[in-house]
Amino acid sequence: MDTLDDNRSAWLSELPPYERLPPLGRDETADVAIIGGGLTGVSTAWHLQERFPNKRIVLLEARALANGASGRNGGQVLNGVAGLAPDEPEAARSLYAATRQGIDIIEHLAAQSTLDAGFVRSGCLEVYTTARSAEAAQARGERWRSWGIASDWLPGAAVGMHGAHGASLDPTAGRANTAALLRGLRPLLLARGIGIYEQTPVQRLREGATVVLETPGGTMRAPAVVLATNAYTPQLGWFRNGILPLHSHIVATGPLSAARWRGLGWGTPDGFSDDLDRIAYGCRTPGGRLIFGGGSNAAYHYRYGGSPVVQGRAQGRVDAIERRLRGYFPGLAGEPIAQRWSGPLAITLDRVCSMGVTGAYRNVYYALGYSGHGVALAALAGRVLTDCYAGVHEPWRALPFYQRRLAWIPPDPLRWLGYQLYTRLTGRTPRRH
């Protein structure tokens, strides 16, 4: 059974007790084996089973469903792709139509879940902290609206955050407790015949016409495998020089009363992010907590060797996040921070994710590198990878994440040294524009 621990997220704290399923304990076979029990893995399992109801789909999760970023994220379900801001109307409409599908998938799955996933579609804000950035954003929003993309503008006084000069509102974006979503879908997945083994880390992946996955309790053999492991993917030997497993630290208040929320000046939208390079973001949980992350170098760090395993927390990091939080919301003075947690993101050098199929036998399917923008994209990945598995590539060929070749990131120790030098000298995250 899950128990409260030092790295437990606010999202998990709002869930009932959870009994993990037994691990794989013998050698088995499947038509498709999925590694990872987050949004990418569960969405892929769901879509594959709908398309191919007679195939044996098995999902292997190292710990428990929603243990990774899907249970530790910022909660916002957003349009768009990190790292991309198309300047042409058709490209912008195409990108937003694709990611809108991801939001629709979250909405559909939330309606099926046996747990309340707290999904609402009341919009999310992008907040601008200077007059110059606000003016540019307002003009950009007018251009998007002329292209048929939903975007509203809020003046600074209507944002409810100290120092805000204005904000763009995407009224089609939403919020969800994706940990509740995934764990609430587990009974339905099992009822559909999908095999789920929790507490089953994949220790080695051996390529071939039949892929062999080695685990502590047995092997899983399948003619196709899905890497739904995001920041953990390099541990399996894949995309080691394509993603940076970057740790993100987050804090949360306890549940706030409705009156306290009104006192903060918080409006209808449930989530926001700002325009800093080290983006600050926040979200109101279904249980009334305010979660907050980012805002400075201290909110993120890269561990030598790229290990995504959490090893305690640094008080100085969370103190910096709290200062940024209280700077935006002075009305939180005296409100204690109830929880602090961290977890790895899979960051690409240009911040654009990649989805497709690879491997010597073209039977290794993957989606990763969401760069902090992954709730809608991970849900969409289930549909994309199912189409790829079915040989239906045309709907995705023109989109920038399809079979995207990830920019090369040097290995350690150069990676670690470069990250430390760049972030300390510039206060920014390394990226290729």
Protein backbone atom coordinates (compact mmCIF):
# COMPACT_ATOMS: atom_id res chain seq x y z
CA MET A 1 0.00 0.00 0.00
CA ASP A 2 1.22 3.51 -0.76
CA THR A 3 2.11 5.50 2.34
CA LEU A 4 2.86 9.18 2.84
CA ASP A 5 6.57 9.85 2.39
CA ASP A 6 8.90 12.82 2.09
CA ASN A 7 8.55 12.97 -1.67
CA ARG A 8 4.80 12.42 -1.97
CA SER A 9 3.06 14.93 -4.22
CA ALA A 10 -0.07 16.87 -3.37
CA TRP A 11 -1.83 15.04 -6.21
CA LEU A 12 -1.17 11.67 -4.60
CA SER A 13 -2.21 13.01 -1.20
CA GLU A 14 -5.71 13.65 -2.53
CA LEU A 15 -6.17 9.98 -3.46
CA PRO A 16 -7.47 7.04 -1.42
CA PRO A 17 -5.06 4.26 -0.36
CA TYR A 18 -3.70 2.33 -3.32
CA GLU A 19 -2.79 -1.34 -3.43
CA ARG A 20 -0.09 -2.08 -5.97
CA LEU A 21 -0.53 -5.03 -8.28
CA PRO A 22 1.89 -7.96 -7.97
CA PRO A 23 5.09 -7.92 -10.05
CA LEU A 24 5.81 -10.12 -13.02
CA GLY A 25 6.83 -13.47 -11.54
CA ARG A 26 7.38 -15.71 -14.56
CA ASP A 27 8.31 -15.64 -18.24
CA GLU A 28 5.48 -14.36 -20.44
CA THR A 29 4.72 -13.26 -23.99
CA ALA A 30 2.61 -10.43 -25.39
CA ASP A 31 1.83 -8.82 -28.73
CA VAL A 32 2.87 -5.41 -27.39
CA ALA A 33 4.80 -4.75 -24.17
CA ILE A 34 4.62 -1.22 -22.75
CA ILE A 35 7.28 -0.04 -20.32
CA GLY A 36 6.01 2.70 -18.01
CA GLY A 37 2.78 3.30 -16.13
CA GLY A 38 2.43 7.03 -16.66
CA LEU A 39 0.16 8.91 -19.06
CA THR A 40 2.08 7.81 -22.16
CA GLY A 41 1.94 4.14 -21.22
CA VAL A 42 -1.66 4.07 -20.06
CA SER A 43 -2.93 6.10 -23.03
CA THR A 44 -1.07 3.80 -25.42
CA ALA A 45 -2.47 0.70 -23.73
CA TRP A 46 -5.98 2.16 -23.90
CA HIS A 47 -5.75 3.11 -27.58
CA LEU A 48 -4.07 -0.14 -28.63
CA GLN A 49 -6.73 -2.22 -26.94
CA GLU A 50 -9.52 -0.21 -28.60
CA ARG A 51 -7.91 -0.63 -32.03
CA PHE A 52 -6.73 -4.23 -31.56
CA PRO A 53 -9.03 -5.88 -29.01
CA ASN A 54 -7.72 -9.37 -29.74
CA LYS A 55 -4.06 -8.58 -29.12
CA ARG A 56 -2.33 -9.21 -25.81
CA ILE A 57 -1.23 -5.85 -24.40
CA VAL A 58 0.95 -5.85 -21.27
CA LEU A 59 2.14 -2.86 -19.25
CA LEU A 60 5.18 -3.10 -16.95
CA GLU A 61 5.63 -0.39 -14.30
CA ALA A 62 8.70 -0.19 -12.05
CA ARG A 63 6.77 1.00 -8.99
CA ALA A 64 3.10 2.04 -9.30
CA LEU A 65 0.90 3.74 -11.88
CA ALA A 66 1.52 7.51 -11.83
CA ASN A 67 4.74 7.12 -9.85
CA GLY A 68 6.72 9.40 -12.21
CA ALA A 69 5.94 12.79 -13.72
CA SER A 70 2.30 11.81 -14.25
CA GLY A 71 1.83 11.90 -10.49
CA ARG A 72 4.15 14.81 -9.73
CA ASN A 73 3.39 17.41 -12.42
CA GLY A 74 1.98 20.93 -12.53
CA GLY A 75 -1.55 19.73 -13.30
CA GLN A 76 -2.18 21.90 -16.35
CA VAL A 77 -3.52 20.31 -19.54
CA LEU A 78 -2.21 22.65 -22.22
CA ASN A 79 -2.33 23.26 -25.93
CA GLY A 80 0.85 23.67 -27.93
CA VAL A 81 4.31 22.13 -27.78
CA ALA A 82 7.16 23.50 -25.67
CA GLY A 83 9.80 25.10 -27.87
CA LEU A 84 7.46 25.88 -30.77
CA ALA A 85 5.68 29.12 -31.65
CA PRO A 86 4.66 28.79 -35.32
CA ASP A 87 4.62 32.02 -37.32
CA GLU A 88 2.47 30.68 -40.14
CA PRO A 89 -1.32 30.34 -39.74
CA GLU A 90 -1.58 26.81 -41.13
CA ALA A 91 1.29 25.47 -39.03
CA ALA A 92 -0.17 27.06 -35.90
CA ARG A 93 -3.67 25.74 -36.55
CA SER A 94 -2.32 22.26 -37.27
CA LEU A 95 -0.27 22.17 -34.07
CA TYR A 96 -3.12 23.40 -31.90
CA ALA A 97 -5.59 21.00 -33.52
CA ALA A 98 -3.24 18.12 -32.68
CA THR A 99 -2.67 19.10 -29.06
CA ARG A 100 -6.37 19.85 -28.66
CA GLN A 101 -6.85 16.15 -29.33
CA GLY A 102 -4.64 15.47 -26.31
CA ILE A 103 -6.88 17.61 -24.09
CA ASP A 104 -9.93 15.85 -25.52
CA ILE A 105 -8.36 12.48 -24.69
CA ILE A 106 -7.75 13.57 -21.08
CA GLU A 107 -11.35 14.72 -20.85
CA HIS A 108 -12.61 11.40 -22.27
CA LEU A 109 -10.43 9.28 -20.00
CA ALA A 110 -11.36 11.35 -16.95
CA ALA A 111 -15.01 10.61 -17.67
CA GLN A 112 -14.22 6.88 -17.66
CA SER A 113 -12.02 6.86 -14.55
CA THR A 114 -13.32 5.24 -11.38
CA LEU A 115 -11.67 8.05 -9.39
CA ASP A 116 -12.55 11.72 -9.72
CA ALA A 117 -9.66 13.12 -11.75
CA GLY A 118 -10.77 16.70 -11.06
CA PHE A 119 -10.75 17.54 -14.76
CA VAL A 120 -12.03 21.01 -15.55
CA ARG A 121 -11.62 23.01 -18.71
CA SER A 122 -11.77 26.53 -17.33
CA GLY A 123 -8.60 27.78 -19.02
CA CYS A 124 -4.99 28.44 -18.07
CA LEU A 125 -3.00 31.66 -18.01
CA GLU A 126 0.40 32.68 -19.33
CA VAL A 127 1.40 35.62 -17.17
CA TYR A 128 3.76 38.38 -18.34
CA THR A 129 6.03 40.11 -15.87
CA THR A 130 7.20 43.12 -17.90
CA ALA A 131 5.37 45.76 -19.91
CA ARG A 132 7.39 44.83 -22.97
CA SER A 133 6.58 41.11 -22.84
CA ALA A 134 2.92 41.88 -22.15
CA GLU A 135 2.68 44.18 -25.18
CA ALA A 136 4.25 41.52 -27.42
CA ALA A 137 1.95 38.82 -26.02
CA GLN A 138 -1.14 40.92 -26.56
CA ALA A 139 -0.19 41.45 -30.21
CA ARG A 140 0.55 37.74 -30.60
CA GLY A 141 -2.85 36.87 -29.16
CA GLU A 142 -4.57 39.15 -31.66
CA ARG A 143 -2.69 37.41 -34.47
CA TRP A 144 -3.67 33.96 -33.16
CA ARG A 145 -7.31 34.98 -32.92
CA SER A 146 -7.20 36.11 -36.55
CA TRP A 147 -5.98 32.56 -37.37
CA GLY A 148 -8.87 30.97 -35.47
CA ILE A 149 -6.90 30.02 -32.34
CA ALA A 150 -8.65 30.77 -29.05
CA SER A 151 -6.80 33.34 -26.95
CA ASP A 152 -8.12 36.03 -24.62
CA TRP A 153 -6.26 38.90 -22.99
CA LEU A 154 -6.42 39.91 -19.32
CA PRO A 155 -4.96 43.23 -18.13
CA GLY A 156 -2.60 43.12 -15.18
CA ALA A 157 -5.21 44.22 -12.66
CA ALA A 158 -7.41 41.24 -13.59
CA VAL A 159 -4.70 38.60 -13.17
CA GLY A 160 -4.54 38.46 -9.38
CA MET A 161 -0.75 38.12 -9.18
CA HIS A 162 1.61 40.75 -7.81
CA GLY A 163 3.80 42.19 -10.58
CA ALA A 164 1.71 40.87 -13.47
CA HIS A 165 1.44 43.22 -16.46
CA GLY A 166 -1.15 41.06 -18.17
CA ALA A 167 -1.89 37.49 -19.14
CA SER A 168 -2.97 35.43 -22.12
CA LEU A 169 -5.84 33.07 -21.37
CA ASP A 170 -6.27 29.85 -23.32
CA PRO A 171 -9.94 29.11 -22.55
CA THR A 172 -9.68 25.59 -24.00
CA ALA A 173 -6.94 24.44 -21.60
CA GLY A 174 -7.70 22.52 -18.45
CA ARG A 175 -6.54 20.97 -15.20
CA ALA A 176 -6.46 17.36 -14.05
CA ASN A 177 -5.11 15.21 -11.25
CA THR A 178 -3.48 12.73 -13.58
CA ALA A 179 -2.50 10.43 -10.71
CA ALA A 180 -6.21 10.01 -9.95
CA LEU A 181 -6.93 9.59 -13.64
CA LEU A 182 -4.43 6.77 -14.16
CA ARG A 183 -5.11 4.88 -10.97
CA GLY A 184 -8.83 5.22 -11.56
CA LEU A 185 -8.42 3.73 -15.04
CA ARG A 186 -6.61 0.63 -13.76
CA PRO A 187 -9.78 -1.43 -13.11
CA LEU A 188 -11.03 -0.65 -16.62
CA LEU A 189 -7.72 -1.60 -18.21
CA LEU A 190 -7.72 -4.91 -16.37
CA ALA A 191 -11.34 -5.56 -17.32
CA ARG A 192 -10.41 -5.01 -20.96
CA GLY A 193 -7.80 -7.76 -20.71
CA ILE A 194 -4.72 -5.53 -20.51
CA GLY A 195 -2.04 -7.11 -18.33
CA ILE A 196 -0.55 -4.78 -15.72
CA TYR A 197 2.46 -5.64 -13.59
CA GLU A 198 3.47 -3.03 -11.04
CA GLN A 199 6.66 -3.26 -8.94
CA THR A 200 8.33 -4.59 -12.11
CA PRO A 201 11.40 -2.60 -13.22
CA VAL A 202 12.72 -3.51 -16.65
CA GLN A 203 16.44 -4.04 -16.14
CA ARG A 204 17.43 -4.73 -19.72
CA LEU A 205 15.90 -4.52 -23.18
CA ARG A 206 17.29 -6.89 -25.81
CA GLU A 207 16.43 -5.96 -29.38
CA GLY A 208 15.36 -8.45 -32.00
CA ALA A 209 12.42 -9.45 -34.14
CA THR A 210 11.09 -10.44 -30.72
CA VAL A 211 12.09 -7.94 -28.04
CA VAL A 212 13.10 -9.44 -24.70
CA LEU A 213 12.52 -7.44 -21.53
CA GLU A 214 14.37 -8.70 -18.47
CA THR A 215 12.87 -8.03 -15.03
CA PRO A 216 13.75 -9.33 -11.56
CA GLY A 217 10.95 -11.91 -11.67
CA GLY A 218 10.92 -13.05 -15.27
CA THR A 219 11.17 -12.05 -18.91
CA MET A 220 8.57 -10.54 -21.20
CA ARG A 221 8.85 -11.30 -24.91
CA ALA A 222 6.94 -9.32 -27.53
CA PRO A 223 7.31 -8.47 -31.23
CA ALA A 224 6.75 -4.79 -30.36
CA VAL A 225 7.68 -2.67 -27.36
CA VAL A 226 6.68 0.84 -26.29
CA LEU A 227 9.13 3.05 -24.38
CA ALA A 228 6.79 5.11 -22.22
CA THR A 229 9.51 5.99 -19.74
CA ASN A 230 10.31 9.66 -20.58
CA ALA A 231 13.12 10.81 -18.22
CA TYR A 232 13.92 7.21 -17.26
CA THR A 233 14.49 6.10 -20.87
CA PRO A 234 18.31 6.49 -20.85
CA GLN A 235 18.48 3.88 -18.09
CA LEU A 236 17.36 1.37 -20.73
CA GLY A 237 20.11 2.53 -23.08
CA TRP A 238 17.93 4.64 -25.37
CA PHE A 239 18.13 8.38 -26.18
CA ARG A 240 21.03 8.90 -23.79
CA ASN A 241 22.30 11.88 -25.76
CA GLY A 242 18.88 13.22 -26.71
CA ILE A 243 17.31 14.15 -23.38
CA LEU A 244 18.42 15.79 -20.15
CA PRO A 245 16.78 14.20 -17.06
CA LEU A 246 16.32 17.45 -15.14
CA HIS A 247 14.93 17.41 -11.62
CA SER A 248 12.10 19.82 -10.83
CA HIS A 249 11.17 20.82 -7.28
CA ILE A 250 7.58 21.75 -6.34
CA VAL A 251 5.81 22.95 -3.20
CA ALA A 252 2.16 23.01 -2.14
CA THR A 253 0.04 24.65 0.52
CA GLY A 254 -2.54 22.74 2.48
CA PRO A 255 -6.18 23.01 1.36
CA LEU A 256 -7.28 26.65 1.23
CA SER A 257 -10.83 27.77 1.92
CA ALA A 258 -12.95 29.36 -0.81
CA ALA A 259 -12.68 32.66 1.04
CA ARG A 260 -8.89 32.40 1.09
CA TRP A 261 -8.83 31.75 -2.65
CA ARG A 262 -11.00 34.82 -3.24
CA GLY A 263 -8.68 36.84 -1.03
CA LEU A 264 -5.76 35.89 -3.25
CA GLY A 265 -7.56 37.41 -6.21
CA TRP A 266 -7.55 34.04 -7.96
CA GLY A 267 -10.04 33.93 -10.80
CA THR A 268 -11.68 31.13 -12.76
CA PRO A 269 -8.61 29.60 -14.48
CA ASP A 270 -7.05 26.82 -12.44
CA GLY A 271 -3.47 27.06 -13.71
CA PHE A 272 -0.84 29.55 -14.80
CA SER A 273 2.76 29.88 -15.92
CA ASP A 274 4.91 32.99 -16.33
CA ASP A 275 7.31 34.27 -18.97
CA LEU A 276 10.58 33.66 -17.11
CA ASP A 277 13.23 31.46 -18.70
CA ARG A 278 13.07 29.33 -15.56
CA ILE A 279 9.30 29.21 -15.82
CA ALA A 280 7.27 29.55 -12.64
CA TYR A 281 3.91 27.80 -12.65
CA GLY A 282 1.05 27.04 -10.32
CA CYS A 283 -2.24 25.21 -10.15
CA ARG A 284 -5.25 24.85 -7.89
CA THR A 285 -5.84 21.19 -7.09
CA PRO A 286 -9.35 19.69 -6.82
CA GLY A 287 -8.79 19.56 -3.05
CA GLY A 288 -8.06 23.29 -2.85
CA ARG A 289 -4.28 23.18 -2.52
CA LEU A 290 -2.07 25.63 -4.40
CA ILE A 291 0.92 23.93 -5.96
CA PHE A 292 3.83 25.97 -7.26
CA GLY A 293 7.15 25.25 -8.94
CA GLY A 294 9.94 26.85 -10.92
CA GLY A 295 10.93 30.48 -10.90
CA SER A 296 14.71 30.26 -10.55
CA ASN A 297 17.77 28.07 -11.04
CA ALA A 298 17.19 26.69 -7.56
CA ALA A 299 13.98 24.98 -8.68
CA TYR A 300 15.83 22.68 -11.06
CA HIS A 301 19.02 20.68 -11.00
CA TYR A 302 20.88 18.11 -13.04
CA ARG A 303 22.45 15.19 -11.18
CA TYR A 304 25.79 13.93 -12.45
CA GLY A 305 25.25 10.81 -14.52
CA GLY A 306 21.67 11.80 -15.31
CA SER A 307 20.14 9.63 -12.58
CA PRO A 308 16.40 10.33 -12.35
CA VAL A 309 16.17 8.70 -8.92
CA VAL A 310 15.16 11.15 -6.21
CA GLN A 311 17.55 11.24 -3.26
CA GLY A 312 16.15 13.53 -0.62
CA ARG A 313 15.50 17.24 -1.01
CA ALA A 314 17.57 20.41 -0.61
CA GLN A 315 15.96 22.94 1.74
CA GLY A 316 17.62 25.86 -0.06
CA ARG A 317 15.89 24.92 -3.29
CA VAL A 318 12.40 24.81 -1.84
CA ASP A 319 13.04 28.04 0.11
CA ALA A 320 13.73 29.81 -3.20
CA ILE A 321 10.51 28.44 -4.69
CA GLU A 322 8.54 29.60 -1.65
CA ARG A 323 9.97 33.12 -1.98
CA ARG A 324 8.81 33.31 -5.59
CA LEU A 325 5.39 31.95 -4.63
CA ARG A 326 4.87 34.50 -1.86
CA GLY A 327 6.17 37.26 -4.12
CA TYR A 328 3.39 36.53 -6.60
CA PHE A 329 0.78 35.99 -3.87
CA PRO A 330 1.49 38.24 -0.84
CA GLY A 331 -1.87 37.14 0.56
CA LEU A 332 -0.27 33.78 1.39
CA ALA A 333 1.78 35.38 4.16
CA GLY A 334 1.56 33.10 7.16
CA GLU A 335 0.18 30.19 5.14
CA PRO A 336 2.52 27.25 5.73
CA ILE A 337 3.91 25.08 2.97
CA ALA A 338 2.47 21.63 3.58
CA GLN A 339 4.36 19.53 1.02
CA ARG A 340 7.53 19.56 -1.03
CA TRP A 341 8.49 17.03 -3.68
CA SER A 342 10.63 16.59 -6.75
CA GLY A 343 10.87 14.42 -9.84
CA PRO A 344 12.62 14.27 -13.20
CA LEU A 345 11.55 15.92 -16.44
CA ALA A 346 12.85 14.81 -19.84
CA ILE A 347 14.18 18.01 -21.41
CA THR A 348 15.32 18.21 -25.03
CA LEU A 349 17.81 20.82 -26.17
CA ASP A 350 15.23 22.66 -28.28
CA ARG A 351 12.35 21.69 -25.92
CA VAL A 352 10.43 19.86 -28.67
CA CYS A 353 9.33 16.29 -27.96
CA SER A 354 9.59 13.30 -30.30
CA MET A 355 7.17 10.45 -31.03
CA GLY A 356 7.61 7.58 -33.44
CA VAL A 357 9.22 4.22 -34.05
CA THR A 358 12.90 3.25 -34.07
CA GLY A 359 15.26 0.32 -33.61
CA ALA A 360 17.02 -2.06 -35.97
CA TYR A 361 13.77 -4.01 -36.44
CA ARG A 362 11.47 -0.96 -36.44
CA ASN A 363 9.53 -2.37 -33.52
CA VAL A 364 10.50 0.00 -30.70
CA TYR A 365 7.86 2.72 -30.31
CA TYR A 366 8.56 5.78 -28.19
CA ALA A 367 7.32 9.19 -27.07
CA LEU A 368 9.46 11.38 -24.83
CA GLY A 369 11.06 14.77 -24.22
CA TYR A 370 7.90 16.64 -23.30
CA SER A 371 10.00 19.32 -21.56
CA GLY A 372 7.46 20.12 -18.86
CA HIS A 373 4.54 20.37 -21.29
CA GLY A 374 3.54 16.75 -21.21
CA VAL A 375 0.03 16.10 -19.88
CA ALA A 376 -1.87 16.66 -23.14
CA LEU A 377 1.08 15.48 -25.26
CA ALA A 378 1.50 12.23 -23.32
CA ALA A 379 -2.21 11.50 -23.72
CA LEU A 380 -1.95 12.29 -27.43
CA ALA A 381 1.09 10.00 -27.70
CA GLY A 382 -1.14 7.02 -27.07
CA ARG A 383 -3.05 7.78 -30.26
CA VAL A 384 0.08 8.62 -32.25
CA LEU A 385 1.90 5.41 -31.28
CA THR A 386 -1.18 3.30 -31.91
CA ASP A 387 -1.40 4.78 -35.40
CA CYS A 388 2.31 4.11 -35.96
CA TYR A 389 1.86 0.51 -34.80
CA ALA A 390 -1.06 0.17 -37.22
CA GLY A 391 1.06 1.59 -40.07
CA VAL A 392 -1.05 4.76 -40.26
CA HIS A 393 1.49 7.60 -40.33
CA GLU A 394 -0.14 10.21 -42.55
CA PRO A 395 -2.09 12.09 -39.85
CA TRP A 396 1.18 12.92 -38.09
CA ARG A 397 3.88 13.31 -40.77
CA ALA A 398 3.59 17.08 -41.03
CA LEU A 399 3.71 17.68 -37.29
CA PRO A 400 7.05 18.75 -35.81
CA PHE A 401 7.20 16.04 -33.13
CA TYR A 402 6.69 13.11 -35.51
CA GLN A 403 9.94 11.09 -35.81
CA ARG A 404 11.79 14.22 -34.70
CA ARG A 405 15.52 13.74 -34.45
CA LEU A 406 16.60 15.00 -31.05
CA ALA A 407 19.48 17.45 -30.89
CA TRP A 408 22.69 15.95 -29.50
CA ILE A 409 23.56 16.64 -25.85
CA PRO A 410 27.14 15.76 -24.85
CA PRO A 411 27.69 12.98 -22.29
CA ASP A 412 28.97 13.49 -18.77
CA PRO A 413 31.21 14.95 -17.49
CA LEU A 414 30.88 17.59 -20.24
CA ARG A 415 27.10 17.65 -19.79
CA TRP A 416 27.28 18.23 -16.05
CA LEU A 417 30.02 20.86 -16.38
CA GLY A 418 28.21 22.65 -19.19
CA TYR A 419 24.95 22.70 -17.28
CA GLN A 420 26.56 24.08 -14.12
CA LEU A 421 28.50 26.78 -15.94
CA TYR A 422 25.67 27.91 -18.18
CA THR A 423 22.98 28.08 -15.52
CA ARG A 424 25.20 29.85 -12.99
CA LEU A 425 26.51 32.41 -15.46
CA THR A 426 23.23 33.19 -17.22
CA GLY A 427 20.46 32.10 -14.84
CA ARG A 428 18.91 30.29 -17.77
CA THR A 429 18.42 26.74 -18.97
CA PRO A 430 20.69 25.56 -21.79
CA ARG A 431 18.76 25.37 -25.03
CA ARG A 432 19.19 25.47 -28.76
CA HIS A 433 16.87 27.98 -30.44
